């Protein structure tokens, strides 16, 4: 029958299907290739050609065939499913999901379409999770919105998109999603921490305290919750309370490194210089590569030195080591500059203050000290410029500005964010 004549196209279609059923995939692909040459407007021929190429492990050629079929028959679930499979194999997940989701809406009862849609949604959500880990929040949110139909009632999806909204400054949706995550899975500590972080960032300290107190009650063995409660107290200016609870936390969990930075800030703001030195020495032993330990020792010694040359020398050594270990910490550069200033070393003072301001251009005290150092060496114009910057920043600054460690020390976000994933069963754990 498969000879030139009026029934040739139908004969080739049947022949190709028989070859495919018999496992003669190369022959089937060849037959369907002849057919699309004869009848390029046959969506069935293109669709079958795509299926043959998929079975032969040739997804790029399959994609080309399925695209032709979809152009000719855009409302065919089977064509869209084949196109989605080819795109999936080629790791074009977002486009694949959009195509398969269209097929699902046309034929939601099809088990294969439903399964592929869910698999793609999970893959995209995992990509979004990776983007959150990498602080690519805008891209993560875009991907999460793509799969909202599948995971809208998932606690982990709500937490991820809420956290992305938070980092992008979209307060209202962030709060809604983070609260929804906690409501859907109240037994997940990280969701509660993220909700509390929202309150901290927007300076809703009472709400943050209530959240973290509930967390310490719900998760009594959690160092992260106690740290979050201590950080809240420090942000509110309740330094001695923060010192009390964070001191107990470190005594019971001496290897919990994030607590040292927050406790150190509380001790510094409470002007407990000896406490800073003692804490820094503990951290030096526990984690010698952590520049914060050297900073605490150096800063405490400098504040106690009162012009004592020996103490200033020890403070200088510790602070110089601190900036070597952690060159991105502006406060260490600033205090090293203050040590040099106390020793009458203006050139060294200016160099460290410049480093400070490269890291934090709005560091008001650094502008002031730099202005005075320029004045001492006769650089009147530069001195005036720095003092003007100091006054402008001081006028813009409000009473909420404090020297604080980054909020990510609440629960070690950089280390812990990778645990987050999409709960496919969408059940409370």
Protein backbone atom coordinates (compact mmCIF):
# COMPACT_ATOMS: atom_id res chain seq x y z
CA UNK A 1 0.00 0.00 0.00
CA UNK A 2 2.90 2.36 0.72
CA UNK A 3 3.53 3.31 -2.86
CA UNK A 4 2.70 6.57 -4.63
CA UNK A 5 -1.01 7.05 -4.85
CA UNK A 6 -3.98 8.69 -3.18
CA UNK A 7 -3.68 6.52 -0.07
CA UNK A 8 0.06 7.02 0.47
CA UNK A 9 -0.16 9.39 3.48
CA UNK A 10 -2.58 7.13 5.34
CA UNK A 11 -0.47 4.10 4.50
CA UNK A 12 2.72 5.72 5.79
CA UNK A 13 0.97 6.80 8.98
CA UNK A 14 -0.17 3.22 9.63
CA UNK A 15 3.18 1.76 8.63
CA UNK A 16 5.08 4.11 10.97
CA UNK A 17 2.79 3.26 13.88
CA UNK A 18 3.28 -0.46 13.25
CA UNK A 19 7.05 -0.05 13.13
CA UNK A 20 6.98 1.89 16.38
CA UNK A 21 4.85 -0.79 18.06
CA UNK A 22 7.27 -3.48 16.85
CA UNK A 23 10.22 -1.55 18.25
CA UNK A 24 11.67 -0.62 14.86
CA UNK A 25 12.20 2.97 16.00
CA UNK A 26 14.67 3.99 13.32
CA UNK A 27 12.33 2.70 10.63
CA UNK A 28 9.41 4.47 12.30
CA UNK A 29 11.32 7.77 12.40
CA UNK A 30 12.26 7.34 8.75
CA UNK A 31 8.66 6.63 7.78
CA UNK A 32 7.28 9.61 9.69
CA UNK A 33 10.04 11.74 8.18
CA UNK A 34 8.82 10.76 4.70
CA UNK A 35 5.31 11.58 5.77
CA UNK A 36 6.05 15.12 6.98
CA UNK A 37 7.92 15.74 3.73
CA UNK A 38 4.82 14.70 1.82
CA UNK A 39 2.34 16.44 4.13
CA UNK A 40 4.03 19.16 6.25
CA UNK A 41 0.61 20.25 7.59
CA UNK A 42 -0.11 16.91 9.28
CA UNK A 43 0.14 17.51 13.00
CA UNK A 44 -0.24 13.76 13.64
CA UNK A 45 2.82 13.06 11.49
CA UNK A 46 4.92 15.66 13.31
CA UNK A 47 3.67 14.39 16.65
CA UNK A 48 4.54 10.79 15.80
CA UNK A 49 7.92 11.84 14.45
CA UNK A 50 8.61 13.62 17.73
CA UNK A 51 7.63 10.52 19.70
CA UNK A 52 9.96 8.37 17.58
CA UNK A 53 12.87 10.73 18.17
CA UNK A 54 12.19 10.75 21.91
CA UNK A 55 12.23 6.96 21.97
CA UNK A 56 15.53 7.00 20.06
CA UNK A 57 17.07 9.38 22.63
CA UNK A 58 17.24 12.31 20.21
CA UNK A 59 15.43 15.03 22.20
CA UNK A 60 16.65 18.01 20.15
CA UNK A 61 15.12 16.56 16.98
CA UNK A 62 12.05 15.55 18.96
CA UNK A 63 11.67 19.12 20.19
CA UNK A 64 11.78 20.42 16.62
CA UNK A 65 9.05 17.95 15.55
CA UNK A 66 6.81 18.62 18.55
CA UNK A 67 7.07 22.39 18.03
CA UNK A 68 5.76 21.90 14.49
CA UNK A 69 2.93 19.71 15.82
CA UNK A 70 2.03 22.30 18.48
CA UNK A 71 1.89 25.08 15.91
CA UNK A 72 -0.53 23.01 13.83
CA UNK A 73 -2.54 21.65 16.79
CA UNK A 74 -2.06 23.95 19.80
CA UNK A 75 -5.03 22.51 21.70
CA UNK A 76 -3.89 18.87 21.68
CA UNK A 77 -2.95 17.56 25.16
CA UNK A 78 -0.93 14.71 23.63
CA UNK A 79 1.13 17.10 21.51
CA UNK A 80 1.75 19.40 24.47
CA UNK A 81 2.71 16.43 26.64
CA UNK A 82 5.28 15.28 24.05
CA UNK A 83 6.63 18.80 23.73
CA UNK A 84 6.86 19.05 27.51
CA UNK A 85 8.79 15.77 27.72
CA UNK A 86 11.31 16.93 25.12
CA UNK A 87 11.79 20.25 26.91
CA UNK A 88 12.22 18.44 30.23
CA UNK A 89 14.92 16.15 28.85
CA UNK A 90 16.70 19.24 27.52
CA UNK A 91 16.46 20.86 31.02
CA UNK A 92 14.21 23.67 29.77
CA UNK A 93 12.07 23.29 32.87
CA UNK A 94 10.14 26.56 32.98
CA UNK A 95 8.98 26.32 29.39
CA UNK A 96 8.23 22.63 29.89
CA UNK A 97 6.07 23.41 32.90
CA UNK A 98 4.09 26.06 31.05
CA UNK A 99 3.44 23.65 28.17
CA UNK A 100 2.49 20.70 30.39
CA UNK A 101 0.35 22.93 32.59
CA UNK A 102 -1.67 23.86 29.50
CA UNK A 103 -2.10 20.16 28.75
CA UNK A 104 -3.17 19.55 32.36
CA UNK A 105 -5.86 22.22 32.18
CA UNK A 106 -7.25 20.57 29.06
CA UNK A 107 -7.05 17.04 30.46
CA UNK A 108 -6.58 17.07 34.25
CA UNK A 109 -7.47 13.39 34.61
CA UNK A 110 -4.54 12.16 32.51
CA UNK A 111 -2.15 10.44 34.94
CA UNK A 112 0.98 10.94 32.82
CA UNK A 113 0.34 14.64 32.31
CA UNK A 114 -0.43 15.10 35.99
CA UNK A 115 2.76 13.32 37.07
CA UNK A 116 5.01 15.23 34.67
CA UNK A 117 3.45 18.52 35.75
CA UNK A 118 4.15 17.77 39.40
CA UNK A 119 7.70 16.59 38.70
CA UNK A 120 8.44 19.78 36.78
CA UNK A 121 6.91 21.94 39.51
CA UNK A 122 9.14 20.27 42.11
CA UNK A 123 12.23 20.77 39.94
CA UNK A 124 11.42 24.46 39.48
CA UNK A 125 10.80 24.88 43.19
CA UNK A 126 14.18 23.31 43.95
CA UNK A 127 15.79 25.76 41.52
CA UNK A 128 14.07 28.58 43.39
CA UNK A 129 15.37 27.23 46.70
CA UNK A 130 18.91 27.30 45.32
CA UNK A 131 18.38 30.89 44.20
CA UNK A 132 17.25 31.85 47.70
CA UNK A 133 20.44 30.26 49.06
CA UNK A 134 22.40 32.40 46.60
CA UNK A 135 20.42 35.56 47.53
CA UNK A 136 18.89 35.77 44.05
CA UNK A 137 15.50 36.61 45.50
CA UNK A 138 13.88 38.23 42.47
CA UNK A 139 14.62 35.23 40.25
CA UNK A 140 13.49 32.85 42.99
CA UNK A 141 10.17 34.64 43.38
CA UNK A 142 9.55 34.49 39.63
CA UNK A 143 10.03 30.71 39.62
CA UNK A 144 7.94 30.20 42.73
CA UNK A 145 5.06 32.14 41.21
CA UNK A 146 5.22 29.88 38.16
CA UNK A 147 4.40 26.83 40.29
CA UNK A 148 1.95 28.54 42.62
CA UNK A 149 -0.94 26.43 41.30
CA UNK A 150 0.78 23.28 42.54
CA UNK A 151 2.32 24.43 45.82
CA UNK A 152 0.17 27.32 47.00
CA UNK A 153 -0.93 25.30 50.04
CA UNK A 154 2.57 24.07 50.84
CA UNK A 155 4.22 25.49 53.95
CA UNK A 156 7.67 25.39 52.38
CA UNK A 157 6.52 27.22 49.23
CA UNK A 158 4.94 29.95 51.36
CA UNK A 159 8.08 30.28 53.43
CA UNK A 160 10.38 30.51 50.41
CA UNK A 161 8.30 33.08 48.56
CA UNK A 162 7.64 35.00 51.78
CA UNK A 163 11.35 35.12 52.55
CA UNK A 164 12.06 36.29 48.98
CA UNK A 165 9.39 38.99 49.32
CA UNK A 166 10.96 40.05 52.61
CA UNK A 167 14.41 40.44 51.10
CA UNK A 168 12.91 42.35 48.18
CA UNK A 169 11.18 44.76 50.56
CA UNK A 170 7.60 43.71 49.78
CA UNK A 171 6.28 43.75 53.32
CA UNK A 172 2.61 42.85 52.92
CA UNK A 173 2.94 39.70 50.78
CA UNK A 174 6.00 38.67 52.79
CA UNK A 175 4.07 38.78 56.06
CA UNK A 176 1.08 36.95 54.58
CA UNK A 177 3.21 34.13 53.19
CA UNK A 178 5.43 33.77 56.26
CA UNK A 179 2.40 33.62 58.55
CA UNK A 180 0.79 31.09 56.23
CA UNK A 181 3.91 28.91 56.38
CA UNK A 182 3.79 28.90 60.19
CA UNK A 183 0.04 28.17 60.17
CA UNK A 184 0.47 25.27 57.74
CA UNK A 185 3.42 23.78 59.62
CA UNK A 186 3.64 25.09 63.19
CA UNK A 187 6.16 22.36 64.02
CA UNK A 188 8.85 23.81 61.75
CA UNK A 189 11.33 25.93 63.67
CA UNK A 190 12.78 27.66 60.62
CA UNK A 191 9.43 29.04 59.51
CA UNK A 192 8.97 30.67 62.90
CA UNK A 193 12.48 32.11 62.75
CA UNK A 194 11.80 33.59 59.32
CA UNK A 195 8.58 35.18 60.57
CA UNK A 196 10.45 36.64 63.52
CA UNK A 197 13.13 37.97 61.21
CA UNK A 198 10.41 39.81 59.30
CA UNK A 199 9.42 41.60 62.52
CA UNK A 200 13.05 42.44 63.30
CA UNK A 201 13.74 43.91 59.88
CA UNK A 202 10.66 46.13 60.12
CA UNK A 203 11.49 47.01 63.74
CA UNK A 204 8.32 45.45 65.15
CA UNK A 205 10.23 44.38 68.25
CA UNK A 206 7.23 43.49 70.41
CA UNK A 207 5.93 41.15 67.71
CA UNK A 208 9.42 39.68 67.26
CA UNK A 209 9.78 39.09 70.99
CA UNK A 210 6.36 37.41 71.16
CA UNK A 211 7.28 35.20 68.19
CA UNK A 212 10.64 34.13 69.60
CA UNK A 213 9.28 33.61 73.11
CA UNK A 214 6.69 31.29 71.60
CA UNK A 215 9.56 29.61 69.76
CA UNK A 216 11.62 29.04 72.91
CA UNK A 217 8.54 27.49 74.51
CA UNK A 218 7.72 25.35 71.45
CA UNK A 219 11.35 24.39 70.80
CA UNK A 220 12.98 24.44 74.26
CA UNK A 221 16.27 22.97 73.06
CA UNK A 222 16.77 25.39 70.19
CA UNK A 223 19.86 27.63 70.41
CA UNK A 224 18.64 29.55 67.35
CA UNK A 225 15.46 30.63 69.14
CA UNK A 226 17.36 31.83 72.20
CA UNK A 227 19.79 33.69 69.96
CA UNK A 228 16.89 35.32 68.13
CA UNK A 229 15.36 36.39 71.45
CA UNK A 230 18.71 37.82 72.55
CA UNK A 231 19.14 39.69 69.29
CA UNK A 232 15.66 41.17 69.68
CA UNK A 233 16.57 42.42 73.14
CA UNK A 234 19.81 43.93 71.81
CA UNK A 235 18.00 45.69 68.98
CA UNK A 236 15.61 47.18 71.53
CA UNK A 237 18.56 48.46 73.57
CA UNK A 238 18.02 46.04 76.45
CA UNK A 239 21.71 45.20 76.55
CA UNK A 240 21.91 43.63 79.99
CA UNK A 241 18.97 41.31 79.33
CA UNK A 242 20.57 40.28 76.04
CA UNK A 243 23.87 39.63 77.85
CA UNK A 244 22.09 37.50 80.44
CA UNK A 245 20.29 35.16 78.05
CA UNK A 246 23.13 34.99 75.51
CA UNK A 247 25.67 34.30 78.23
CA UNK A 248 23.58 31.34 79.39
CA UNK A 249 23.24 30.20 75.78
CA UNK A 250 27.02 30.14 75.26
CA UNK A 251 27.63 28.38 78.55
CA UNK A 252 25.23 25.62 77.54
CA UNK A 253 26.24 25.62 73.86
CA UNK A 254 29.88 26.79 73.74
CA UNK A 255 30.27 25.77 70.08
CA UNK A 256 27.32 27.85 68.84
CA UNK A 257 29.42 30.48 67.04
CA UNK A 258 26.64 32.91 65.91
CA UNK A 259 25.89 33.74 69.55
CA UNK A 260 29.35 35.19 70.11
CA UNK A 261 28.89 38.05 67.64
CA UNK A 262 25.54 39.11 69.10
CA UNK A 263 26.77 38.82 72.69
CA UNK A 264 29.88 40.76 71.77
CA UNK A 265 27.74 43.59 70.38
CA UNK A 266 25.64 43.62 73.55
CA UNK A 267 28.77 43.77 75.73
CA UNK A 268 30.18 46.61 73.65
CA UNK A 269 26.96 48.61 73.83
CA UNK A 270 26.80 47.95 77.60
CA UNK A 271 30.42 49.17 77.86
CA UNK A 272 31.54 45.92 79.47
CA UNK A 273 35.09 46.03 78.13
CA UNK A 274 36.49 43.22 80.24
CA UNK A 275 33.54 41.06 79.25
CA UNK A 276 34.43 41.69 75.59
CA UNK A 277 38.02 40.63 76.16
CA UNK A 278 37.00 37.47 78.02
CA UNK A 279 34.48 36.52 75.34
CA UNK A 280 36.99 37.24 72.57
CA UNK A 281 39.59 34.97 74.17
CA UNK A 282 37.06 32.13 74.29
CA UNK A 283 36.29 32.63 70.63
CA UNK A 284 40.02 32.77 69.76
CA UNK A 285 40.45 29.30 71.23
CA UNK A 286 37.26 27.91 69.79
CA UNK A 287 37.70 29.27 66.25
CA UNK A 288 41.12 30.85 65.65
CA UNK A 289 40.24 31.82 62.07
CA UNK A 290 37.28 33.93 63.19
CA UNK A 291 38.27 37.59 63.12
CA UNK A 292 35.49 38.49 65.55
CA UNK A 293 37.41 36.95 68.45
CA UNK A 294 40.42 39.17 67.72
CA UNK A 295 38.11 42.16 67.37
CA UNK A 296 36.50 41.61 70.76
CA UNK A 297 39.89 41.35 72.46
CA UNK A 298 41.33 44.33 70.62
CA UNK A 299 38.26 46.54 71.08
CA UNK A 300 37.99 45.71 74.79
CA UNK A 301 41.68 46.42 75.39
CA UNK A 302 41.51 49.71 73.49
CA UNK A 303 38.50 50.90 75.48
CA UNK A 304 40.30 50.07 78.75
CA UNK A 305 43.72 51.43 77.67
CA UNK A 306 43.15 55.09 78.57
CA UNK A 307 46.45 55.96 76.91
CA UNK A 308 48.39 53.00 78.34
CA UNK A 309 51.04 52.20 75.68
CA UNK A 310 51.23 48.48 76.49
CA UNK A 311 47.49 48.00 76.25
CA UNK A 312 47.33 50.07 73.06
CA UNK A 313 50.05 47.91 71.54
CA UNK A 314 48.16 44.72 72.42
CA UNK A 315 44.93 46.22 71.09
CA UNK A 316 46.71 47.14 67.84
CA UNK A 317 48.03 43.59 67.37
CA UNK A 318 44.59 42.05 67.95
CA UNK A 319 42.77 44.50 65.68
CA UNK A 320 45.33 44.14 62.91
CA UNK A 321 44.82 40.39 63.02
CA UNK A 322 41.06 40.94 63.04
CA UNK A 323 41.10 42.96 59.80
CA UNK A 324 43.35 40.36 58.19
CA UNK A 325 40.94 37.55 59.09
CA UNK A 326 37.78 39.55 58.38
CA UNK A 327 38.63 42.43 56.05
CA UNK A 328 34.95 43.24 55.42
CA UNK A 329 34.11 44.21 59.02
CA UNK A 330 34.13 48.05 59.09
CA UNK A 331 34.03 48.36 62.87
CA UNK A 332 37.37 46.58 63.22
CA UNK A 333 38.99 48.98 60.73
CA UNK A 334 37.49 51.93 62.58
CA UNK A 335 38.79 50.90 66.01
CA UNK A 336 42.20 50.11 64.55
CA UNK A 337 42.16 53.66 63.20
CA UNK A 338 41.30 54.92 66.71
CA UNK A 339 44.28 53.00 68.12
CA UNK A 340 46.57 54.62 65.56
CA UNK A 341 45.03 58.00 66.41
CA UNK A 342 45.76 57.45 70.11
CA UNK A 343 49.35 56.59 69.18
CA UNK A 344 49.66 59.78 67.10
CA UNK A 345 49.97 57.93 63.78
CA UNK A 346 47.85 60.10 61.49
CA UNK A 347 48.83 58.47 58.19
CA UNK A 348 47.91 55.01 59.47
CA UNK A 349 44.74 56.45 61.00
CA UNK A 350 43.66 57.90 57.64
CA UNK A 351 44.40 54.66 55.79
CA UNK A 352 42.19 52.60 58.12
CA UNK A 353 39.41 55.16 58.04
CA UNK A 354 39.39 55.04 54.27
CA UNK A 355 39.04 51.26 54.47
CA UNK A 356 36.17 51.74 56.91
CA UNK A 357 34.34 54.11 54.58
CA UNK A 358 34.84 51.90 51.55
CA UNK A 359 32.93 49.22 53.44
CA UNK A 360 30.37 51.60 54.95
CA UNK A 361 30.17 55.06 53.35
CA UNK A 362 27.55 56.15 55.92
CA UNK A 363 29.74 55.48 58.96
CA UNK A 364 29.29 58.90 60.59
CA UNK A 365 31.98 58.54 63.28
CA UNK A 366 34.53 57.51 60.67
CA UNK A 367 33.87 60.68 58.67
CA UNK A 368 34.32 62.79 61.81
CA UNK A 369 37.58 61.13 62.90
CA UNK A 370 38.89 61.28 59.32
CA UNK A 371 38.05 64.96 59.14
CA UNK A 372 40.00 65.65 62.33
CA UNK A 373 42.96 63.59 61.07
CA UNK A 374 43.04 65.56 57.82
CA UNK A 375 42.95 68.78 59.84
CA UNK A 376 45.96 67.67 61.89
CA UNK A 377 48.09 67.08 58.79
CA UNK A 378 47.01 70.36 57.19
CA UNK A 379 44.58 68.97 54.59
CA UNK A 380 41.98 71.65 55.30
CA UNK A 381 39.79 71.10 52.25
CA UNK A 382 39.55 67.34 52.81
CA UNK A 383 38.89 67.90 56.51
CA UNK A 384 36.01 70.23 55.73
CA UNK A 385 34.49 67.77 53.26
CA UNK A 386 34.59 64.90 55.77
CA UNK A 387 33.08 66.99 58.55
CA UNK A 388 30.29 68.11 56.23
CA UNK A 389 29.57 64.46 55.40
CA UNK A 390 29.51 63.70 59.12
CA UNK A 391 26.94 66.44 59.79
CA UNK A 392 24.73 65.36 56.88
CA UNK A 393 24.67 61.73 58.02
CA UNK A 394 23.99 62.76 61.60
CA UNK A 395 21.03 64.84 60.49
CA UNK A 396 19.59 61.94 58.50
CA UNK A 397 20.24 59.33 61.14
CA UNK A 398 17.47 58.42 63.59
CA UNK A 399 17.51 56.74 66.95
CA UNK A 400 17.17 53.26 65.47
CA UNK A 401 20.70 53.33 64.03
CA UNK A 402 22.98 51.12 66.11
CA UNK A 403 26.09 49.04 65.61
CA UNK A 404 24.58 45.64 65.13
CA UNK A 405 25.60 42.34 63.65
CA UNK A 406 23.71 41.32 60.55
CA UNK A 407 20.29 39.84 61.11
CA UNK A 408 21.37 36.63 59.44
CA UNK A 409 23.10 35.66 62.68
CA UNK A 410 19.58 34.97 63.99
CA UNK A 411 19.80 31.43 62.67
CA UNK A 412 22.89 31.31 60.49
CA UNK A 413 20.91 31.78 57.29
CA UNK A 414 23.88 31.25 55.00
CA UNK A 415 24.42 27.83 56.54
CA UNK A 416 20.84 26.76 57.17
CA UNK A 417 18.84 28.04 54.23
CA UNK A 418 19.75 24.96 52.19
CA UNK A 419 17.45 22.76 54.30
CA UNK A 420 14.38 24.34 52.76
CA UNK A 421 12.47 22.39 50.16
CA UNK A 422 8.99 21.88 48.79
CA UNK A 423 6.85 19.43 50.74
CA UNK A 424 5.18 17.49 47.96
CA UNK A 425 2.54 15.91 50.13
CA UNK A 426 1.65 19.39 51.47
CA UNK A 427 0.93 17.85 54.87
CA UNK A 428 1.90 19.11 58.27
CA UNK A 429 4.98 17.36 59.55
